[in-house]
Amino acid sequence: MFYNTHIFKSTDGESICYYKWEANPKVPFKGVVQIAHGLGEHAGRYDGMAHLLQEEGYSVYANDHRAHGKTAEMKRLFGFYDGNEYFDDCIEDMHVLSNLMKVENPKTKYILFGHSMGSLFSRMYVTKYGEELDALILSGTASFIKGLGNVGLVAASTVTAFRGRARGNEFLKSVFFGEFIKSSNPIEPNLIG
């Protein structure tokens, strides 16, 4: 079974790409799972997991967060966010997708799965929209790493002050994300933001 990609307009008019894996019609339908992917990933990387869920009777939806995957590819802005509140915007995108899922699959169970950065989004999502979920699954979740996190914030703020927000920094990217990127095995490497 395969997935289809679609686009929805978020609350601020931004175009967001999402993936949809339909449940296997040969097994009893159990519900819908929404996936929130991690930093430097895209929703297509969860194809294997989605196939397993499909075979168990679940439909699966996952959007590419802003500055990631096909959402970023549409504007050629990988890793660049031009808004003010990244987490808030991504959580609202997730909620728009949740509402779309509910229109297409009324009166069923809704499960949110978040990995890494997606788990941080999911933790914030559940505080705002938790009553709309039947289950929450967190994978690879973390908290702010005080020492390294503070160094990263200072370094990123300094680079931004001198170079502007629209320019990347390969050194910072390799220091903070190099091991994550090396260990990943994406389905579509050109979509990593």
N, C-alpha and C. Protein backbone atom coordinates (compact mmCIF):
# COMPACT_ATOMS: atom_id res chain seq x y z
N MET A 1 0.85 -1.18 0.00
CA MET A 1 0.00 0.00 0.00
C MET A 1 0.89 1.24 0.00
N PHE A 2 0.44 2.26 -0.66
CA PHE A 2 1.24 3.45 -0.83
C PHE A 2 0.58 4.65 -0.15
N TYR A 3 1.29 5.77 -0.17
CA TYR A 3 0.74 7.00 0.37
C TYR A 3 0.47 7.97 -0.77
N ASN A 4 -0.34 8.96 -0.47
CA ASN A 4 -0.57 10.09 -1.37
C ASN A 4 -0.15 11.34 -0.63
N THR A 5 0.32 12.32 -1.37
CA THR A 5 0.64 13.61 -0.75
C THR A 5 -0.39 14.64 -1.21
N HIS A 6 -0.70 15.54 -0.29
CA HIS A 6 -1.69 16.58 -0.53
C HIS A 6 -1.18 17.87 0.12
N ILE A 7 -1.89 18.94 -0.10
CA ILE A 7 -1.54 20.24 0.50
C ILE A 7 -2.78 20.83 1.17
N PHE A 8 -2.60 21.39 2.36
CA PHE A 8 -3.68 22.15 2.98
C PHE A 8 -3.17 23.54 3.30
N LYS A 9 -4.10 24.46 3.45
CA LYS A 9 -3.76 25.83 3.87
C LYS A 9 -3.93 25.90 5.37
N SER A 10 -2.90 26.39 6.06
CA SER A 10 -2.97 26.51 7.51
C SER A 10 -3.71 27.78 7.90
N THR A 11 -3.80 28.00 9.19
CA THR A 11 -4.58 29.13 9.70
C THR A 11 -4.04 30.49 9.25
N ASP A 12 -2.74 30.56 8.92
CA ASP A 12 -2.14 31.81 8.46
C ASP A 12 -1.98 31.86 6.95
N GLY A 13 -2.57 30.88 6.24
CA GLY A 13 -2.51 30.85 4.79
C GLY A 13 -1.32 30.12 4.21
N GLU A 14 -0.42 29.65 5.07
CA GLU A 14 0.77 28.91 4.61
C GLU A 14 0.35 27.56 4.03
N SER A 15 0.98 27.17 2.92
CA SER A 15 0.72 25.86 2.31
C SER A 15 1.57 24.81 3.01
N ILE A 16 0.90 23.75 3.48
CA ILE A 16 1.57 22.68 4.21
C ILE A 16 1.32 21.36 3.49
N CYS A 17 2.39 20.64 3.21
CA CYS A 17 2.27 19.34 2.56
C CYS A 17 2.01 18.27 3.62
N TYR A 18 1.12 17.32 3.28
CA TYR A 18 0.91 16.19 4.18
C TYR A 18 0.79 14.89 3.40
N TYR A 19 1.10 13.82 4.09
CA TYR A 19 1.06 12.47 3.55
C TYR A 19 -0.15 11.76 4.14
N LYS A 20 -0.71 10.85 3.34
CA LYS A 20 -1.88 10.11 3.81
C LYS A 20 -1.74 8.65 3.36
N TRP A 21 -1.78 7.77 4.35
CA TRP A 21 -1.75 6.33 4.12
C TRP A 21 -3.12 5.79 4.53
N GLU A 22 -3.88 5.27 3.58
CA GLU A 22 -5.22 4.73 3.87
C GLU A 22 -5.10 3.37 4.54
N ALA A 23 -5.97 3.09 5.50
CA ALA A 23 -6.00 1.79 6.16
C ALA A 23 -6.30 0.69 5.14
N ASN A 24 -5.76 -0.47 5.38
CA ASN A 24 -6.02 -1.63 4.53
C ASN A 24 -7.52 -1.96 4.62
N PRO A 25 -8.24 -1.90 3.51
CA PRO A 25 -9.68 -2.14 3.56
C PRO A 25 -10.05 -3.61 3.86
N LYS A 26 -9.05 -4.49 3.84
CA LYS A 26 -9.32 -5.91 4.08
C LYS A 26 -9.30 -6.29 5.56
N VAL A 27 -8.97 -5.31 6.43
CA VAL A 27 -8.96 -5.58 7.87
C VAL A 27 -9.91 -4.59 8.55
N PRO A 28 -10.43 -4.91 9.74
CA PRO A 28 -11.33 -3.98 10.42
C PRO A 28 -10.64 -2.64 10.72
N PHE A 29 -11.33 -1.56 10.45
CA PHE A 29 -10.80 -0.21 10.69
C PHE A 29 -10.74 0.06 12.19
N LYS A 30 -9.58 0.53 12.68
CA LYS A 30 -9.39 0.77 14.11
C LYS A 30 -9.29 2.24 14.50
N GLY A 31 -8.88 3.11 13.57
CA GLY A 31 -8.73 4.51 13.91
C GLY A 31 -7.74 5.21 13.03
N VAL A 32 -7.33 6.40 13.47
CA VAL A 32 -6.44 7.26 12.70
C VAL A 32 -5.25 7.65 13.57
N VAL A 33 -4.07 7.59 12.97
CA VAL A 33 -2.84 8.00 13.66
C VAL A 33 -2.27 9.20 12.92
N GLN A 34 -1.93 10.24 13.68
CA GLN A 34 -1.25 11.41 13.14
C GLN A 34 0.19 11.37 13.63
N ILE A 35 1.14 11.53 12.72
CA ILE A 35 2.57 11.51 13.06
C ILE A 35 3.13 12.92 12.98
N ALA A 36 3.89 13.30 14.02
CA ALA A 36 4.64 14.56 14.02
C ALA A 36 6.12 14.19 13.97
N HIS A 37 6.77 14.47 12.86
CA HIS A 37 8.16 14.04 12.65
C HIS A 37 9.17 14.90 13.42
N GLY A 38 10.41 14.44 13.42
CA GLY A 38 11.48 15.12 14.14
C GLY A 38 12.21 16.16 13.31
N LEU A 39 13.16 16.82 13.96
CA LEU A 39 13.97 17.87 13.36
C LEU A 39 14.84 17.30 12.25
N GLY A 40 14.88 17.99 11.12
CA GLY A 40 15.72 17.57 10.00
C GLY A 40 15.15 16.39 9.24
N GLU A 41 13.92 16.01 9.54
CA GLU A 41 13.27 14.88 8.87
C GLU A 41 12.14 15.38 7.98
N HIS A 42 11.40 14.44 7.45
CA HIS A 42 10.15 14.73 6.74
C HIS A 42 9.23 13.55 6.98
N ALA A 43 7.95 13.76 6.75
CA ALA A 43 6.95 12.74 7.07
C ALA A 43 7.15 11.45 6.29
N GLY A 44 7.69 11.52 5.09
CA GLY A 44 7.91 10.33 4.28
C GLY A 44 8.85 9.33 4.91
N ARG A 45 9.67 9.76 5.85
CA ARG A 45 10.59 8.84 6.54
C ARG A 45 9.83 7.83 7.40
N TYR A 46 8.57 8.09 7.66
CA TYR A 46 7.77 7.21 8.51
C TYR A 46 6.93 6.23 7.67
N ASP A 47 7.31 6.06 6.41
CA ASP A 47 6.59 5.19 5.50
C ASP A 47 6.51 3.76 6.04
N GLY A 48 7.61 3.22 6.54
CA GLY A 48 7.62 1.86 7.07
C GLY A 48 6.66 1.69 8.25
N MET A 49 6.72 2.63 9.16
CA MET A 49 5.82 2.61 10.32
C MET A 49 4.36 2.73 9.87
N ALA A 50 4.12 3.63 8.91
CA ALA A 50 2.76 3.83 8.41
C ALA A 50 2.23 2.55 7.76
N HIS A 51 3.08 1.84 7.02
CA HIS A 51 2.65 0.58 6.39
C HIS A 51 2.24 -0.45 7.44
N LEU A 52 3.01 -0.53 8.52
CA LEU A 52 2.64 -1.46 9.60
C LEU A 52 1.28 -1.10 10.19
N LEU A 53 1.07 0.20 10.41
CA LEU A 53 -0.21 0.65 10.96
C LEU A 53 -1.35 0.41 9.98
N GLN A 54 -1.10 0.62 8.69
CA GLN A 54 -2.12 0.35 7.67
C GLN A 54 -2.60 -1.10 7.76
N GLU A 55 -1.64 -2.00 7.87
CA GLU A 55 -1.98 -3.42 7.90
C GLU A 55 -2.73 -3.81 9.17
N GLU A 56 -2.65 -2.97 10.19
CA GLU A 56 -3.38 -3.22 11.44
C GLU A 56 -4.74 -2.52 11.47
N GLY A 57 -5.08 -1.80 10.38
CA GLY A 57 -6.39 -1.18 10.30
C GLY A 57 -6.44 0.29 10.63
N TYR A 58 -5.29 0.97 10.58
CA TYR A 58 -5.24 2.40 10.87
C TYR A 58 -4.95 3.19 9.59
N SER A 59 -5.59 4.34 9.45
CA SER A 59 -5.18 5.31 8.45
C SER A 59 -4.17 6.22 9.13
N VAL A 60 -3.19 6.67 8.37
CA VAL A 60 -2.10 7.47 8.94
C VAL A 60 -1.96 8.77 8.15
N TYR A 61 -1.80 9.86 8.89
CA TYR A 61 -1.58 11.18 8.30
C TYR A 61 -0.34 11.79 8.95
N ALA A 62 0.42 12.54 8.18
CA ALA A 62 1.58 13.24 8.73
C ALA A 62 1.92 14.41 7.83
N ASN A 63 2.08 15.58 8.41
CA ASN A 63 2.49 16.73 7.61
C ASN A 63 3.98 16.98 7.74
N ASP A 64 4.55 17.55 6.68
CA ASP A 64 5.93 18.04 6.75
C ASP A 64 5.88 19.38 7.45
N HIS A 65 6.54 19.47 8.60
CA HIS A 65 6.54 20.73 9.35
C HIS A 65 7.19 21.84 8.52
N ARG A 66 6.92 23.06 8.89
CA ARG A 66 7.53 24.21 8.21
C ARG A 66 9.05 24.08 8.23
N ALA A 67 9.66 24.49 7.13
CA ALA A 67 11.12 24.43 6.94
C ALA A 67 11.62 23.00 6.76
N HIS A 68 10.72 22.05 6.53
CA HIS A 68 11.08 20.64 6.37
C HIS A 68 10.38 20.04 5.15
N GLY A 69 11.01 19.04 4.56
CA GLY A 69 10.41 18.21 3.53
C GLY A 69 9.77 18.97 2.39
N LYS A 70 8.64 18.44 1.93
CA LYS A 70 7.95 19.02 0.77
C LYS A 70 7.32 20.38 1.09
N THR A 71 7.01 20.63 2.36
CA THR A 71 6.52 21.95 2.74
C THR A 71 7.59 23.00 2.43
N ALA A 72 8.83 22.69 2.79
CA ALA A 72 9.94 23.62 2.51
C ALA A 72 10.29 23.63 1.03
N GLU A 73 10.19 22.46 0.39
CA GLU A 73 10.55 22.35 -1.02
C GLU A 73 9.69 23.26 -1.90
N MET A 74 8.42 23.43 -1.53
CA MET A 74 7.53 24.28 -2.33
C MET A 74 8.06 25.70 -2.45
N LYS A 75 8.71 26.19 -1.39
CA LYS A 75 9.22 27.57 -1.38
C LYS A 75 10.75 27.62 -1.48
N ARG A 76 11.37 26.44 -1.58
CA ARG A 76 12.84 26.34 -1.61
C ARG A 76 13.45 26.98 -0.37
N LEU A 77 12.83 26.71 0.79
CA LEU A 77 13.30 27.29 2.04
C LEU A 77 13.57 26.20 3.07
N PHE A 78 14.48 25.28 2.76
CA PHE A 78 14.82 24.22 3.71
C PHE A 78 15.51 24.81 4.93
N GLY A 79 14.98 24.49 6.09
CA GLY A 79 15.59 24.92 7.34
C GLY A 79 15.39 26.39 7.66
N PHE A 80 14.60 27.11 6.88
CA PHE A 80 14.39 28.54 7.12
C PHE A 80 12.94 28.80 7.45
N TYR A 81 12.73 29.46 8.57
CA TYR A 81 11.39 29.83 9.03
C TYR A 81 11.31 31.34 9.11
N ASP A 82 10.33 31.94 8.45
CA ASP A 82 10.26 33.40 8.40
C ASP A 82 9.16 33.99 9.27
N GLY A 83 8.58 33.18 10.15
CA GLY A 83 7.55 33.68 11.06
C GLY A 83 8.14 34.10 12.40
N ASN A 84 7.28 34.23 13.41
CA ASN A 84 7.74 34.66 14.73
C ASN A 84 7.71 33.55 15.78
N GLU A 85 6.79 32.63 15.69
CA GLU A 85 6.61 31.59 16.71
C GLU A 85 6.54 30.21 16.05
N TYR A 86 7.69 29.62 15.81
CA TYR A 86 7.77 28.35 15.08
C TYR A 86 6.90 27.27 15.72
N PHE A 87 7.07 27.05 17.02
CA PHE A 87 6.32 25.98 17.69
C PHE A 87 4.82 26.24 17.58
N ASP A 88 4.38 27.46 17.85
CA ASP A 88 2.95 27.78 17.78
C ASP A 88 2.39 27.53 16.37
N ASP A 89 3.15 27.97 15.36
CA ASP A 89 2.68 27.78 13.98
C ASP A 89 2.60 26.30 13.63
N CYS A 90 3.60 25.53 14.02
CA CYS A 90 3.60 24.09 13.72
C CYS A 90 2.47 23.37 14.44
N ILE A 91 2.18 23.76 15.65
CA ILE A 91 1.08 23.14 16.41
C ILE A 91 -0.26 23.47 15.75
N GLU A 92 -0.42 24.69 15.28
CA GLU A 92 -1.65 25.03 14.57
C GLU A 92 -1.76 24.26 13.26
N ASP A 93 -0.63 24.06 12.57
CA ASP A 93 -0.64 23.22 11.36
C ASP A 93 -1.11 21.82 11.69
N MET A 94 -0.60 21.27 12.78
CA MET A 94 -1.01 19.93 13.20
C MET A 94 -2.50 19.88 13.50
N HIS A 95 -3.02 20.95 14.10
CA HIS A 95 -4.44 20.97 14.43
C HIS A 95 -5.31 21.07 13.17
N VAL A 96 -4.86 21.82 12.19
CA VAL A 96 -5.59 21.87 10.92
C VAL A 96 -5.64 20.47 10.31
N LEU A 97 -4.50 19.77 10.34
CA LEU A 97 -4.47 18.40 9.82
C LEU A 97 -5.39 17.49 10.63
N SER A 98 -5.40 17.64 11.95
CA SER A 98 -6.30 16.84 12.80
C SER A 98 -7.75 17.05 12.40
N ASN A 99 -8.13 18.29 12.17
CA ASN A 99 -9.51 18.59 11.77
C ASN A 99 -9.84 17.97 10.42
N LEU A 100 -8.88 18.01 9.50
CA LEU A 100 -9.07 17.38 8.19
C LEU A 100 -9.26 15.87 8.36
N MET A 101 -8.46 15.25 9.23
CA MET A 101 -8.58 13.82 9.50
C MET A 101 -9.97 13.48 10.03
N LYS A 102 -10.49 14.35 10.89
CA LYS A 102 -11.80 14.09 11.51
C LYS A 102 -12.94 14.24 10.51
N VAL A 103 -12.78 15.14 9.55
CA VAL A 103 -13.79 15.27 8.50
C VAL A 103 -13.80 14.01 7.64
N GLU A 104 -12.61 13.51 7.32
CA GLU A 104 -12.50 12.33 6.47
C GLU A 104 -12.78 11.03 7.21
N ASN A 105 -12.63 11.03 8.53
CA ASN A 105 -12.80 9.83 9.35
C ASN A 105 -13.59 10.16 10.61
N PRO A 106 -14.87 10.46 10.48
CA PRO A 106 -15.64 10.86 11.66
C PRO A 106 -15.88 9.70 12.62
N LYS A 107 -16.04 10.04 13.88
CA LYS A 107 -16.42 9.07 14.92
C LYS A 107 -15.50 7.85 14.97
N THR A 108 -14.22 8.12 15.15
CA THR A 108 -13.24 7.04 15.31
C THR A 108 -12.22 7.46 16.36
N LYS A 109 -11.25 6.61 16.63
CA LYS A 109 -10.19 6.94 17.59
C LYS A 109 -9.10 7.75 16.89
N TYR A 110 -8.59 8.78 17.61
CA TYR A 110 -7.54 9.63 17.09
C TYR A 110 -6.32 9.52 17.99
N ILE A 111 -5.19 9.13 17.38
CA ILE A 111 -3.95 8.91 18.11
C ILE A 111 -2.90 9.85 17.53
N LEU A 112 -2.17 10.53 18.41
CA LEU A 112 -1.07 11.41 17.98
C LEU A 112 0.24 10.76 18.40
N PHE A 113 1.14 10.59 17.43
CA PHE A 113 2.48 10.05 17.67
C PHE A 113 3.49 11.13 17.32
N GLY A 114 4.35 11.49 18.27
CA GLY A 114 5.38 12.49 18.03
C GLY A 114 6.75 11.96 18.33
N HIS A 115 7.68 12.19 17.40
CA HIS A 115 9.07 11.74 17.60
C HIS A 115 10.00 12.94 17.68
N SER A 116 10.89 12.94 18.67
CA SER A 116 11.93 13.94 18.84
C SER A 116 11.31 15.34 18.87
N MET A 117 11.64 16.21 17.91
CA MET A 117 11.03 17.53 17.89
C MET A 117 9.51 17.41 17.81
N GLY A 118 9.03 16.42 17.06
CA GLY A 118 7.60 16.18 16.96
C GLY A 118 6.99 15.80 18.30
N SER A 119 7.79 15.19 19.18
CA SER A 119 7.27 14.86 20.52
C SER A 119 7.13 16.13 21.36
N LEU A 120 8.02 17.10 21.13
CA LEU A 120 7.89 18.39 21.83
C LEU A 120 6.65 19.12 21.34
N PHE A 121 6.43 19.10 20.01
CA PHE A 121 5.19 19.68 19.47
C PHE A 121 3.98 18.97 20.07
N SER A 122 4.04 17.65 20.13
CA SER A 122 2.90 16.86 20.62
C SER A 122 2.60 17.15 22.09
N ARG A 123 3.65 17.37 22.87
CA ARG A 123 3.45 17.70 24.29
C ARG A 123 2.73 19.04 24.41
N MET A 124 3.10 20.00 23.58
CA MET A 124 2.41 21.29 23.60
C MET A 124 1.00 21.15 23.02
N TYR A 125 0.87 20.34 21.98
CA TYR A 125 -0.43 20.12 21.34
C TYR A 125 -1.44 19.58 22.34
N VAL A 126 -1.02 18.60 23.13
CA VAL A 126 -1.95 17.95 24.06
C VAL A 126 -2.39 18.91 25.17
N THR A 127 -1.58 19.89 25.50
CA THR A 127 -2.02 20.86 26.52
C THR A 127 -3.09 21.80 25.96
N LYS A 128 -3.12 21.96 24.64
CA LYS A 128 -4.08 22.86 24.01
C LYS A 128 -5.30 22.12 23.46
N TYR A 129 -5.06 20.96 22.87
CA TYR A 129 -6.13 20.23 22.18
C TYR A 129 -6.28 18.79 22.66
N GLY A 130 -5.80 18.49 23.84
CA GLY A 130 -5.79 17.13 24.35
C GLY A 130 -7.15 16.45 24.41
N GLU A 131 -8.20 17.23 24.64
CA GLU A 131 -9.54 16.63 24.73
C GLU A 131 -10.00 16.05 23.41
N GLU A 132 -9.32 16.40 22.32
CA GLU A 132 -9.69 15.89 21.00
C GLU A 132 -8.99 14.57 20.66
N LEU A 133 -8.08 14.12 21.53
CA LEU A 133 -7.30 12.91 21.28
C LEU A 133 -7.78 11.75 22.14
N ASP A 134 -7.59 10.54 21.62
CA ASP A 134 -7.85 9.34 22.40
C ASP A 134 -6.57 8.76 22.99
N ALA A 135 -5.42 9.06 22.35
CA ALA A 135 -4.14 8.56 22.85
C ALA A 135 -3.01 9.44 22.34
N LEU A 136 -1.92 9.47 23.11
CA LEU A 136 -0.71 10.20 22.76
C LEU A 136 0.47 9.26 22.95
N ILE A 137 1.33 9.18 21.93
CA ILE A 137 2.54 8.36 22.00
C ILE A 137 3.73 9.27 21.73
N LEU A 138 4.70 9.25 22.64
CA LEU A 138 5.90 10.07 22.50
C LEU A 138 7.11 9.17 22.31
N SER A 139 7.97 9.53 21.37
CA SER A 139 9.17 8.75 21.06
C SER A 139 10.36 9.70 20.99
N GLY A 140 11.45 9.34 21.65
CA GLY A 140 12.65 10.15 21.58
C GLY A 140 12.44 11.56 22.08
N THR A 141 11.60 11.71 23.08
CA THR A 141 11.32 13.05 23.59
C THR A 141 12.47 13.53 24.46
N ALA A 142 12.57 14.81 24.63
CA ALA A 142 13.68 15.39 25.39
C ALA A 142 13.21 16.65 26.08
N SER A 143 14.08 17.17 26.89
CA SER A 143 13.85 18.49 27.46
C SER A 143 14.99 19.38 26.99
N PHE A 144 14.93 20.63 27.32
CA PHE A 144 15.96 21.56 26.92
C PHE A 144 17.27 21.18 27.61
N ILE A 145 18.32 20.94 26.84
CA ILE A 145 19.62 20.58 27.40
C ILE A 145 20.29 21.88 27.85
N LYS A 146 20.33 22.11 29.16
CA LYS A 146 20.72 23.42 29.68
C LYS A 146 22.04 23.94 29.11
N GLY A 147 23.13 23.21 29.26
CA GLY A 147 24.42 23.71 28.79
C GLY A 147 24.47 23.87 27.29
N LEU A 148 24.24 22.78 26.57
CA LEU A 148 24.32 22.80 25.12
C LEU A 148 23.21 23.66 24.52
N GLY A 149 22.03 23.59 25.10
CA GLY A 149 20.91 24.40 24.60
C GLY A 149 21.20 25.89 24.69
N ASN A 150 21.75 26.32 25.82
CA ASN A 150 22.08 27.74 25.99
C ASN A 150 23.18 28.17 25.03
N VAL A 151 24.21 27.32 24.85
CA VAL A 151 25.28 27.63 23.90
C VAL A 151 24.69 27.77 22.50
N GLY A 152 23.80 26.86 22.15
CA GLY A 152 23.16 26.90 20.83
C GLY A 152 22.35 28.16 20.62
N LEU A 153 21.60 28.56 21.63
CA LEU A 153 20.80 29.79 21.51
C LEU A 153 21.68 31.02 21.34
N VAL A 154 22.74 31.11 22.12
CA VAL A 154 23.65 32.25 22.02
C VAL A 154 24.33 32.26 20.66
N ALA A 155 24.82 31.08 20.23
CA ALA A 155 25.51 30.99 18.94
C ALA A 155 24.57 31.36 17.79
N ALA A 156 23.37 30.82 17.81
CA ALA A 156 22.40 31.11 16.74
C ALA A 156 22.01 32.59 16.73
N SER A 157 21.83 33.16 17.92
CA SER A 157 21.48 34.59 18.01
C SER A 157 22.61 35.47 17.48
N THR A 158 23.85 35.10 17.78
CA THR A 158 25.00 35.86 17.32
C THR A 158 25.12 35.80 15.80
N VAL A 159 25.01 34.58 15.26
CA VAL A 159 25.09 34.41 13.81
C VAL A 159 23.97 35.19 13.13
N THR A 160 22.77 35.14 13.68
CA THR A 160 21.62 35.86 13.11
C THR A 160 21.85 37.36 13.13
N ALA A 161 22.44 37.88 14.22
CA ALA A 161 22.69 39.32 14.32
C ALA A 161 23.64 39.80 13.23
N PHE A 162 24.64 38.99 12.90
CA PHE A 162 25.64 39.40 11.92
C PHE A 162 25.27 39.04 10.48
N ARG A 163 24.60 37.90 10.30
CA ARG A 163 24.36 37.40 8.94
C ARG A 163 22.90 37.48 8.51
N GLY A 164 21.99 37.76 9.43
CA GLY A 164 20.57 37.80 9.10
C GLY A 164 19.93 36.44 9.26
N ARG A 165 18.59 36.41 9.28
CA ARG A 165 17.85 35.18 9.51
C ARG A 165 17.79 34.27 8.29
N ALA A 166 17.96 34.83 7.12
CA ALA A 166 17.75 34.06 5.89
C ALA A 166 18.97 33.26 5.45
N ARG A 167 20.05 33.30 6.23
CA ARG A 167 21.26 32.57 5.83
C ARG A 167 21.55 31.47 6.82
N GLY A 168 21.89 30.33 6.30
CA GLY A 168 22.23 29.19 7.15
C GLY A 168 23.65 29.28 7.65
N ASN A 169 24.01 28.37 8.53
CA ASN A 169 25.37 28.30 9.03
C ASN A 169 25.74 26.82 9.12
N GLU A 170 26.62 26.39 8.22
CA GLU A 170 27.00 24.98 8.14
C GLU A 170 27.73 24.51 9.40
N PHE A 171 28.53 25.39 10.02
CA PHE A 171 29.24 25.00 11.24
C PHE A 171 28.25 24.67 12.35
N LEU A 172 27.29 25.57 12.61
CA LEU A 172 26.30 25.31 13.66
C LEU A 172 25.47 24.07 13.33
N LYS A 173 25.12 23.92 12.08
CA LYS A 173 24.34 22.76 11.65
C LYS A 173 25.10 21.47 11.95
N SER A 174 26.39 21.43 11.63
CA SER A 174 27.16 20.21 11.86
C SER A 174 27.39 19.95 13.34
N VAL A 175 27.62 21.00 14.14
CA VAL A 175 27.85 20.82 15.58
C VAL A 175 26.61 20.29 16.27
N PHE A 176 25.46 20.88 15.99
CA PHE A 176 24.25 20.54 16.74
C PHE A 176 23.43 19.41 16.12
N PHE A 177 23.55 19.21 14.80
CA PHE A 177 22.70 18.21 14.15
C PHE A 177 23.46 17.17 13.35
N GLY A 178 24.78 17.28 13.27
CA GLY A 178 25.57 16.39 12.43
C GLY A 178 25.35 14.92 12.69
N GLU A 179 25.33 14.52 13.95
CA GLU A 179 25.14 13.10 14.28
C GLU A 179 23.74 12.62 13.93
N PHE A 180 22.73 13.49 14.10
CA PHE A 180 21.36 13.11 13.74
C PHE A 180 21.26 12.86 12.24
N ILE A 181 21.86 13.77 11.46
CA ILE A 181 21.77 13.67 10.01
C ILE A 181 22.54 12.45 9.51
N LYS A 182 23.75 12.20 10.09
CA LYS A 182 24.54 11.05 9.68
C LYS A 182 23.82 9.74 9.93
N SER A 183 23.13 9.63 11.05
CA SER A 183 22.51 8.37 11.43
C SER A 183 21.17 8.15 10.76
N SER A 184 20.64 9.15 10.08
CA SER A 184 19.33 8.98 9.46
C SER A 184 19.46 8.24 8.14
N ASN A 185 18.38 7.58 7.78
CA ASN A 185 18.33 6.85 6.53
C ASN A 185 17.05 7.25 5.82
N PRO A 186 17.01 8.47 5.29
CA PRO A 186 15.75 8.97 4.73
C PRO A 186 15.36 8.26 3.44
N ILE A 187 14.07 8.21 3.21
CA ILE A 187 13.55 7.65 1.96
C ILE A 187 13.90 8.58 0.81
N GLU A 188 13.77 9.86 1.05
CA GLU A 188 14.04 10.85 0.00
C GLU A 188 15.06 11.86 0.53
N PRO A 189 16.37 11.56 0.39
CA PRO A 189 17.39 12.42 1.01
C PRO A 189 17.32 13.87 0.57
N ASN A 190 16.84 14.15 -0.64
CA ASN A 190 16.79 15.53 -1.10
C ASN A 190 15.71 16.34 -0.37
N LEU A 191 14.91 15.70 0.47
CA LEU A 191 13.85 16.44 1.17
C LEU A 191 14.21 16.77 2.60
N ILE A 192 15.42 16.46 3.03
CA ILE A 192 15.82 16.81 4.38
C ILE A 192 16.11 18.30 4.44
N GLY A 193 15.43 18.99 5.36
CA GLY A 193 15.59 20.43 5.49
C GLY A 193 16.72 20.80 6.40
